[in-house]
C-alpha atoms as a PDB file:
ATOM      1  CA  MET A   1      -7.386   9.585  19.773  1.00  0.00           C
ATOM      2  CA  VAL A   2      -5.463   6.337  20.241  1.00  0.00           C
ATOM      3  CA  VAL A   3      -8.166   4.361  18.435  1.00  0.00           C
ATOM      4  CA  ASN A   4      -8.082   6.772  15.486  1.00  0.00           C
ATOM      5  CA  THR A   5      -4.291   6.468  15.287  1.00  0.00           C
ATOM      6  CA  CYS A   6      -4.513   2.673  15.285  1.00  0.00           C
ATOM      7  CA  LYS A   7      -7.158   2.744  12.540  1.00  0.00           C
ATOM      8  CA  LYS A   8      -5.009   5.069  10.443  1.00  0.00           C
ATOM      9  CA  ILE A   9      -2.023   2.754  10.866  1.00  0.00           C
ATOM     10  CA  GLY A  10      -4.147  -0.216   9.796  1.00  0.00           C
ATOM     11  CA  VAL A  11      -5.415   1.610   6.700  1.00  0.00           C
ATOM     12  CA  LEU A  12      -1.887   2.682   5.772  1.00  0.00           C
ATOM     13  CA  LEU A  13      -0.542  -0.861   6.155  1.00  0.00           C
ATOM     14  CA  ASN A  14      -3.355  -2.226   3.979  1.00  0.00           C
ATOM     15  CA  ASN A  15      -2.582   0.372   1.311  1.00  0.00           C
ATOM     16  CA  LEU A  16       1.073  -0.593   1.413  1.00  0.00           C
ATOM     17  CA  LEU A  17       0.128  -4.249   1.028  1.00  0.00           C
ATOM     18  CA  ASN A  18      -1.679  -3.376  -2.194  1.00  0.00           C
ATOM     19  CA  LEU A  19       1.445  -1.638  -3.536  1.00  0.00           C
ATOM     20  CA  PHE A  20       3.561  -4.766  -3.208  1.00  0.00           C
ATOM     21  CA  LYS A  21       0.943  -7.435  -3.735  1.00  0.00           C
ATOM     22  CA  ASN A  22       1.867  -8.923  -7.106  1.00  0.00           C
ATOM     23  CA  THR A  23       5.644  -8.517  -7.340  1.00  0.00           C
ATOM     24  CA  ARG A  24       8.665 -10.419  -6.080  1.00  0.00           C
ATOM     25  CA  VAL A  25      12.292  -9.633  -5.383  1.00  0.00           C
ATOM     26  CA  ASN A  26      14.845 -11.583  -7.366  1.00  0.00           C
ATOM     27  CA  GLN A  27      18.222 -11.163  -5.669  1.00  0.00           C
ATOM     28  CA  GLU A  28      20.143 -12.525  -8.658  1.00  0.00           C
ATOM     29  CA  TYR A  29      19.183  -9.550 -10.850  1.00  0.00           C
ATOM     30  CA  MET A  30      19.311  -6.885  -8.166  1.00  0.00           C
ATOM     31  CA  ALA A  31      22.263  -4.824  -6.972  1.00  0.00           C
ATOM     32  CA  ASN A  32      23.371  -5.537  -3.412  1.00  0.00           C
ATOM     33  CA  GLU A  33      22.418  -2.048  -2.250  1.00  0.00           C
ATOM     34  CA  ASP A  34      18.932  -2.450  -3.734  1.00  0.00           C
ATOM     35  CA  TYR A  35      18.485  -5.798  -2.024  1.00  0.00           C
ATOM     36  CA  ALA A  36      19.712  -4.261   1.253  1.00  0.00           C
ATOM     37  CA  LEU A  37      17.140  -1.479   0.861  1.00  0.00           C
ATOM     38  CA  ILE A  38      14.343  -4.031   0.431  1.00  0.00           C
ATOM     39  CA  GLU A  39      15.558  -5.846   3.551  1.00  0.00           C
ATOM     40  CA  ASP A  40      15.644  -2.550   5.484  1.00  0.00           C
ATOM     41  CA  LEU A  41      12.102  -1.878   4.296  1.00  0.00           C
ATOM     42  CA  ARG A  42      10.953  -5.268   5.582  1.00  0.00           C
ATOM     43  CA  ALA A  43      12.729  -4.763   8.918  1.00  0.00           C
ATOM     44  CA  ALA A  44      11.202  -1.296   9.381  1.00  0.00           C
ATOM     45  CA  ARG A  45       7.758  -2.693   8.610  1.00  0.00           C
ATOM     46  CA  ASN A  46       8.203  -5.447  11.183  1.00  0.00           C
ATOM     47  CA  GLU A  47       9.387  -2.931  13.798  1.00  0.00           C
ATOM     48  CA  TRP A  48       6.291  -0.849  13.102  1.00  0.00           C
ATOM     49  CA  LEU A  49       3.952  -3.832  13.396  1.00  0.00           C
ATOM     50  CA  ASN A  50       5.627  -5.013  16.608  1.00  0.00           C
ATOM     51  CA  ALA A  51       5.364  -1.570  18.189  1.00  0.00           C
ATOM     52  CA  ASP A  52       1.715  -1.333  17.159  1.00  0.00           C
ATOM     53  CA  SER A  53       0.988  -4.826  18.459  1.00  0.00           C
ATOM     54  CA  ASN A  54       2.645  -4.100  21.805  1.00  0.00           C
ATOM     55  CA  PHE A  55       0.832  -0.774  22.023  1.00  0.00           C
ATOM     56  CA  GLN A  56      -2.514  -2.579  21.861  1.00  0.00           C
ATOM     57  CA  PHE A  57      -1.930  -4.324  25.203  1.00  0.00           C
ATOM     58  CA  VAL A  58      -0.412  -1.541  27.317  1.00  0.00           C
ATOM     59  CA  HIS A  59      -2.263   0.294  30.073  1.00  0.00           C
ATOM     60  CA  GLU A  60       0.410   2.323  31.870  1.00  0.00           C
ATOM     61  CA  ASN A  61       0.888   5.894  30.643  1.00  0.00           C
ATOM     62  CA  GLU A  62       4.685   5.752  30.511  1.00  0.00           C
ATOM     63  CA  ILE A  63       4.638   2.565  28.447  1.00  0.00           C
ATOM     64  CA  VAL A  64       1.901   3.941  26.170  1.00  0.00           C
ATOM     65  CA  ASP A  65       4.158   6.920  25.465  1.00  0.00           C
ATOM     66  CA  TYR A  66       7.085   4.590  24.765  1.00  0.00           C
ATOM     67  CA  TYR A  67       5.203   2.474  22.224  1.00  0.00           C
ATOM     68  CA  THR A  68       3.682   5.556  20.626  1.00  0.00           C
ATOM     69  CA  TYR A  69       7.205   6.891  20.115  1.00  0.00           C
ATOM     70  CA  MET A  70       8.441   3.515  18.826  1.00  0.00           C
ATOM     71  CA  ALA A  71       5.548   3.224  16.356  1.00  0.00           C
ATOM     72  CA  LYS A  72       6.108   6.749  15.040  1.00  0.00           C
ATOM     73  CA  ALA A  73       9.859   6.188  14.703  1.00  0.00           C
ATOM     74  CA  ALA A  74       9.350   2.883  12.872  1.00  0.00           C
ATOM     75  CA  GLN A  75       6.725   4.507  10.644  1.00  0.00           C
ATOM     76  CA  ALA A  76       9.146   7.301   9.712  1.00  0.00           C
ATOM     77  CA  LYS A  77      11.876   4.765   8.946  1.00  0.00           C
ATOM     78  CA  TYR A  78       9.465   2.713   6.836  1.00  0.00           C
ATOM     79  CA  ARG A  79       8.303   5.739   4.860  1.00  0.00           C
ATOM     80  CA  TYR A  80      11.906   6.781   4.222  1.00  0.00           C
ATOM     81  CA  CYS A  81      12.869   3.311   2.954  1.00  0.00           C
ATOM     82  CA  LEU A  82       9.697   3.133   0.868  1.00  0.00           C
ATOM     83  CA  LYS A  83      10.447   6.506  -0.703  1.00  0.00           C
ATOM     84  CA  LYS A  84      13.989   5.386  -1.575  1.00  0.00           C
ATOM     85  CA  ALA A  85      12.725   2.107  -3.023  1.00  0.00           C
ATOM     86  CA  LYS A  86      10.184   3.936  -5.191  1.00  0.00           C
ATOM     87  CA  GLU A  87      12.870   6.342  -6.406  1.00  0.00           C
ATOM     88  CA  ARG A  88      14.942   3.344  -7.534  1.00  0.00           C
ATOM     89  CA  GLY A  89      11.921   1.668  -9.125  1.00  0.00           C
ATOM     90  CA  LEU A  90      12.095  -1.344  -6.799  1.00  0.00           C
ATOM     91  CA  LYS A  91       9.139  -3.574  -6.083  1.00  0.00           C
ATOM     92  CA  SER A  92       8.901  -6.447  -3.660  1.00  0.00           C
ATOM     93  CA  TRP A  93       6.546  -8.957  -2.166  1.00  0.00           C
ATOM     94  CA  ILE A  94       6.313  -8.357   1.563  1.00  0.00           C
ATOM     95  CA  GLU A  95       5.225 -11.409   3.505  1.00  0.00           C
ATOM     96  CA  TYR A  96       2.558 -10.624   6.066  1.00  0.00           C
ATOM     97  CA  ARG A  97       2.208 -12.643   9.204  1.00  0.00           C
END
């Protein structure tokens, strides 16, 4: 079950990469609230990746539960920000590490 969840997260992140692949944010032509939304989107994505990365190396049940919760919370935040960005017609280049 955990392996399937990790694979699904990886597929979703790759799909999201394709959405933002060829566009860039230009702060000069963007409203402050739109730029803040893009920054929130980036932060949520990083939280999600960090939780997923930490989850990969945990063996204790309590900590597994913690990182599962963190990954799901970050995923929900990311999806919310992504939905808002799409509603506003925003596109951005997200730098992957």
